C-alpha atoms as a PDB file:
ATOM      1  CA  MET A   1     105.292  84.185   8.535  1.00  0.00           C
ATOM      2  CA  LYS A   2     106.112  80.804  10.125  1.00  0.00           C
ATOM      3  CA  ILE A   3     109.873  81.353   9.159  1.00  0.00           C
ATOM      4  CA  LEU A   4     109.831  84.973  10.187  1.00  0.00           C
ATOM      5  CA  LEU A   5     108.727  84.331  13.835  1.00  0.00           C
ATOM      6  CA  PRO A   6     111.943  81.941  14.687  1.00  0.00           C
ATOM      7  CA  ILE A   7     114.294  84.626  13.070  1.00  0.00           C
ATOM      8  CA  ALA A   8     112.708  87.380  14.943  1.00  0.00           C
ATOM      9  CA  ALA A   9     113.224  85.422  18.292  1.00  0.00           C
ATOM     10  CA  VAL A  10     116.715  84.604  17.655  1.00  0.00           C
ATOM     11  CA  VAL A  11     117.495  88.386  16.876  1.00  0.00           C
ATOM     12  CA  ILE A  12     115.571  89.633  20.086  1.00  0.00           C
ATOM     13  CA  ALA A  13     117.499  86.812  22.054  1.00  0.00           C
ATOM     14  CA  SER A  14     120.919  88.014  20.682  1.00  0.00           C
ATOM     15  CA  PHE A  15     120.320  91.772  21.599  1.00  0.00           C
ATOM     16  CA  ALA A  16     118.868  90.675  25.232  1.00  0.00           C
ATOM     17  CA  SER A  17     122.448  90.172  26.589  1.00  0.00           C
ATOM     18  CA  ILE A  18     123.537  93.674  25.561  1.00  0.00           C
ATOM     19  CA  ARG A  19     123.209  96.279  28.364  1.00  0.00           C
ATOM     20  CA  PRO A  20     122.154  99.436  26.882  1.00  0.00           C
ATOM     21  CA  GLY A  21     124.069 102.375  28.398  1.00  0.00           C
ATOM     22  CA  ASP A  22     126.676 100.507  29.935  1.00  0.00           C
ATOM     23  CA  PRO A  23     129.918 101.442  28.611  1.00  0.00           C
ATOM     24  CA  LEU A  24     131.954  99.050  30.943  1.00  0.00           C
ATOM     25  CA  THR A  25     130.633  95.536  29.826  1.00  0.00           C
ATOM     26  CA  ASN A  26     133.164  93.566  27.875  1.00  0.00           C
ATOM     27  CA  THR A  27     136.010  96.300  28.315  1.00  0.00           C
ATOM     28  CA  LYS A  28     139.651  95.883  29.639  1.00  0.00           C
ATOM     29  CA  TRP A  29     141.469  98.889  31.251  1.00  0.00           C
ATOM     30  CA  ASP A  30     145.026  99.112  32.186  1.00  0.00           C
ATOM     31  CA  GLY A  31     145.976 100.738  35.739  1.00  0.00           C
ATOM     32  CA  ALA A  32     149.336 101.403  37.374  1.00  0.00           C
ATOM     33  CA  ASN A  33     151.947  98.515  38.257  1.00  0.00           C
ATOM     34  CA  GLY A  34     150.704  96.219  35.609  1.00  0.00           C
ATOM     35  CA  LEU A  35     147.126  96.049  36.843  1.00  0.00           C
ATOM     36  CA  VAL A  36     144.325  95.205  34.175  1.00  0.00           C
ATOM     37  CA  VAL A  37     140.724  95.550  35.128  1.00  0.00           C
ATOM     38  CA  HIS A  38     138.551  93.488  32.981  1.00  0.00           C
ATOM     39  CA  PHE A  39     134.615  94.005  33.101  1.00  0.00           C
ATOM     40  CA  THR A  40     133.497  90.815  31.592  1.00  0.00           C
ATOM     41  CA  LYS A  41     130.315  90.019  29.211  1.00  0.00           C
ATOM     42  CA  SER A  42     128.535  88.993  32.280  1.00  0.00           C
ATOM     43  CA  ASP A  43     128.336  90.856  35.755  1.00  0.00           C
ATOM     44  CA  THR A  44     131.912  90.243  36.797  1.00  0.00           C
ATOM     45  CA  VAL A  45     134.912  92.524  37.043  1.00  0.00           C
ATOM     46  CA  LYS A  46     138.139  90.823  37.458  1.00  0.00           C
ATOM     47  CA  LEU A  47     141.438  92.559  38.683  1.00  0.00           C
ATOM     48  CA  LEU A  48     144.735  90.969  37.142  1.00  0.00           C
ATOM     49  CA  VAL A  49     148.300  91.571  37.499  1.00  0.00           C
ATOM     50  CA  GLU A  50     150.703  89.538  35.161  1.00  0.00           C
ATOM     51  CA  ASP A  51     147.823  87.717  33.800  1.00  0.00           C
ATOM     52  CA  LYS A  52     146.924  86.300  37.367  1.00  0.00           C
ATOM     53  CA  MET A  53     143.565  87.212  39.150  1.00  0.00           C
ATOM     54  CA  VAL A  54     144.154  89.050  42.256  1.00  0.00           C
ATOM     55  CA  ALA A  55     140.503  89.998  42.926  1.00  0.00           C
ATOM     56  CA  ALA A  56     137.081  89.508  41.403  1.00  0.00           C
ATOM     57  CA  ALA A  57     133.663  91.321  42.176  1.00  0.00           C
ATOM     58  CA  LEU A  58     130.222  91.356  41.062  1.00  0.00           C
ATOM     59  CA  TYR A  59     129.168  94.772  39.377  1.00  0.00           C
ATOM     60  CA  LYS A  60     125.933  96.329  38.244  1.00  0.00           C
ATOM     61  CA  VAL A  61     126.037  99.683  36.027  1.00  0.00           C
ATOM     62  CA  GLN A  62     122.904 102.029  35.905  1.00  0.00           C
ATOM     63  CA  ASP A  63     123.551 105.302  34.431  1.00  0.00           C
ATOM     64  CA  SER A  64     127.044 106.572  35.758  1.00  0.00           C
ATOM     65  CA  LEU A  65     126.729 104.606  39.007  1.00  0.00           C
ATOM     66  CA  LEU A  66     128.694 101.365  39.688  1.00  0.00           C
ATOM     67  CA  VAL A  67     127.672  98.911  42.486  1.00  0.00           C
ATOM     68  CA  TRP A  68     130.569  96.817  43.368  1.00  0.00           C
ATOM     69  CA  ARG A  69     130.543  93.679  45.623  1.00  0.00           C
ATOM     70  CA  ASP A  70     133.713  91.173  46.083  1.00  0.00           C
ATOM     71  CA  PHE A  71     132.710  87.817  45.655  1.00  0.00           C
ATOM     72  CA  ILE A  72     135.838  85.872  46.325  1.00  0.00           C
ATOM     73  CA  LYS A  73     136.827  85.791  49.881  1.00  0.00           C
ATOM     74  CA  SER A  74     140.456  86.573  50.470  1.00  0.00           C
ATOM     75  CA  PRO A  75     142.652  88.567  52.992  1.00  0.00           C
ATOM     76  CA  SER A  76     142.702  91.522  50.338  1.00  0.00           C
ATOM     77  CA  THR A  77     139.064  91.599  49.911  1.00  0.00           C
ATOM     78  CA  CYS A  78     135.896  93.015  51.677  1.00  0.00           C
ATOM     79  CA  ASP A  79     133.183  90.944  53.263  1.00  0.00           C
ATOM     80  CA  THR A  80     131.215  89.613  50.264  1.00  0.00           C
ATOM     81  CA  SER A  81     127.943  91.023  51.686  1.00  0.00           C
ATOM     82  CA  ILE A  82     129.315  94.695  51.577  1.00  0.00           C
ATOM     83  CA  ARG A  83     128.285  96.669  48.507  1.00  0.00           C
ATOM     84  CA  GLY A  84     130.123  99.883  47.454  1.00  0.00           C
ATOM     85  CA  LYS A  85     128.438 102.477  45.326  1.00  0.00           C
ATOM     86  CA  TYR A  86     130.734 104.560  43.064  1.00  0.00           C
ATOM     87  CA  ILE A  87     130.273 107.172  40.344  1.00  0.00           C
ATOM     88  CA  TYR A  88     132.223 106.329  37.316  1.00  0.00           C
ATOM     89  CA  LYS A  89     133.514 108.685  34.736  1.00  0.00           C
ATOM     90  CA  ILE A  90     134.931 107.769  31.257  1.00  0.00           C
ATOM     91  CA  LYS A  91     136.702 110.714  29.399  1.00  0.00           C
ATOM     92  CA  GLU A  92     138.796 110.317  26.589  1.00  0.00           C
ATOM     93  CA  ASP A  93     139.228 106.578  27.353  1.00  0.00           C
ATOM     94  CA  ILE A  94     140.244 107.263  30.746  1.00  0.00           C
ATOM     95  CA  LEU A  95     137.954 105.569  33.520  1.00  0.00           C
ATOM     96  CA  THR A  96     138.054 107.141  37.039  1.00  0.00           C
ATOM     97  CA  PHE A  97     135.905 106.427  40.211  1.00  0.00           C
ATOM     98  CA  ARG A  98     134.250 108.711  42.981  1.00  0.00           C
ATOM     99  CA  VAL A  99     133.059 106.764  46.146  1.00  0.00           C
ATOM    100  CA  LEU A 100     129.540 107.483  46.825  1.00  0.00           C
ATOM    101  CA  SER A 101     129.170 105.012  49.598  1.00  0.00           C
ATOM    102  CA  ASP A 102     131.195 101.889  50.695  1.00  0.00           C
ATOM    103  CA  ARG A 103     131.429 100.652  54.334  1.00  0.00           C
ATOM    104  CA  CYS A 104     134.691  98.877  53.248  1.00  0.00           C
ATOM    105  CA  GLU A 105     137.182 101.653  53.561  1.00  0.00           C
ATOM    106  CA  ASP A 106     140.038  99.776  52.201  1.00  0.00           C
ATOM    107  CA  ARG A 107     138.362  98.970  48.945  1.00  0.00           C
ATOM    108  CA  ALA A 108     137.036 102.543  48.491  1.00  0.00           C
ATOM    109  CA  ASN A 109     140.595 104.104  49.136  1.00  0.00           C
ATOM    110  CA  ILE A 110     141.980 101.782  46.423  1.00  0.00           C
ATOM    111  CA  ILE A 111     139.191 102.082  43.836  1.00  0.00           C
ATOM    112  CA  GLN A 112     138.904 105.999  44.101  1.00  0.00           C
ATOM    113  CA  THR A 113     142.633 106.123  43.087  1.00  0.00           C
ATOM    114  CA  PHE A 114     142.154 104.145  40.078  1.00  0.00           C
ATOM    115  CA  VAL A 115     143.119 105.890  36.750  1.00  0.00           C
ATOM    116  CA  LEU A 116     142.488 103.289  34.109  1.00  0.00           C
ATOM    117  CA  ILE A 117     142.982 103.616  30.326  1.00  0.00           C
ATOM    118  CA  LYS A 118     141.128 101.695  28.060  1.00  0.00           C
ATOM    119  CA  LYS A 119     142.783  98.854  26.133  1.00  0.00           C
END
């Protein structure tokens, strides 16, 4: 019994980091013009071109809703306090987005044009 408790704790802890119902975590997607969108194991999404990060954001997924918030301030990103909400859809390894709400029009216009293919 004393041995089973530590083993059970390790098993539970190892599953705690998995997000049930989140098909984006720890995935990479190819886009147009060499864009790679990487949803990391944590809550970060990185946009890369030629292996160089061009943008990064925090994201949360609940059902088919994705909440996106830029966290690296640059001329090509939105105010880091503005959150965008998107409906995402994965069909046959193709990821697309539809804007639900986003006060950052530039970001919304770009994300809703993404057609990403799973790597």
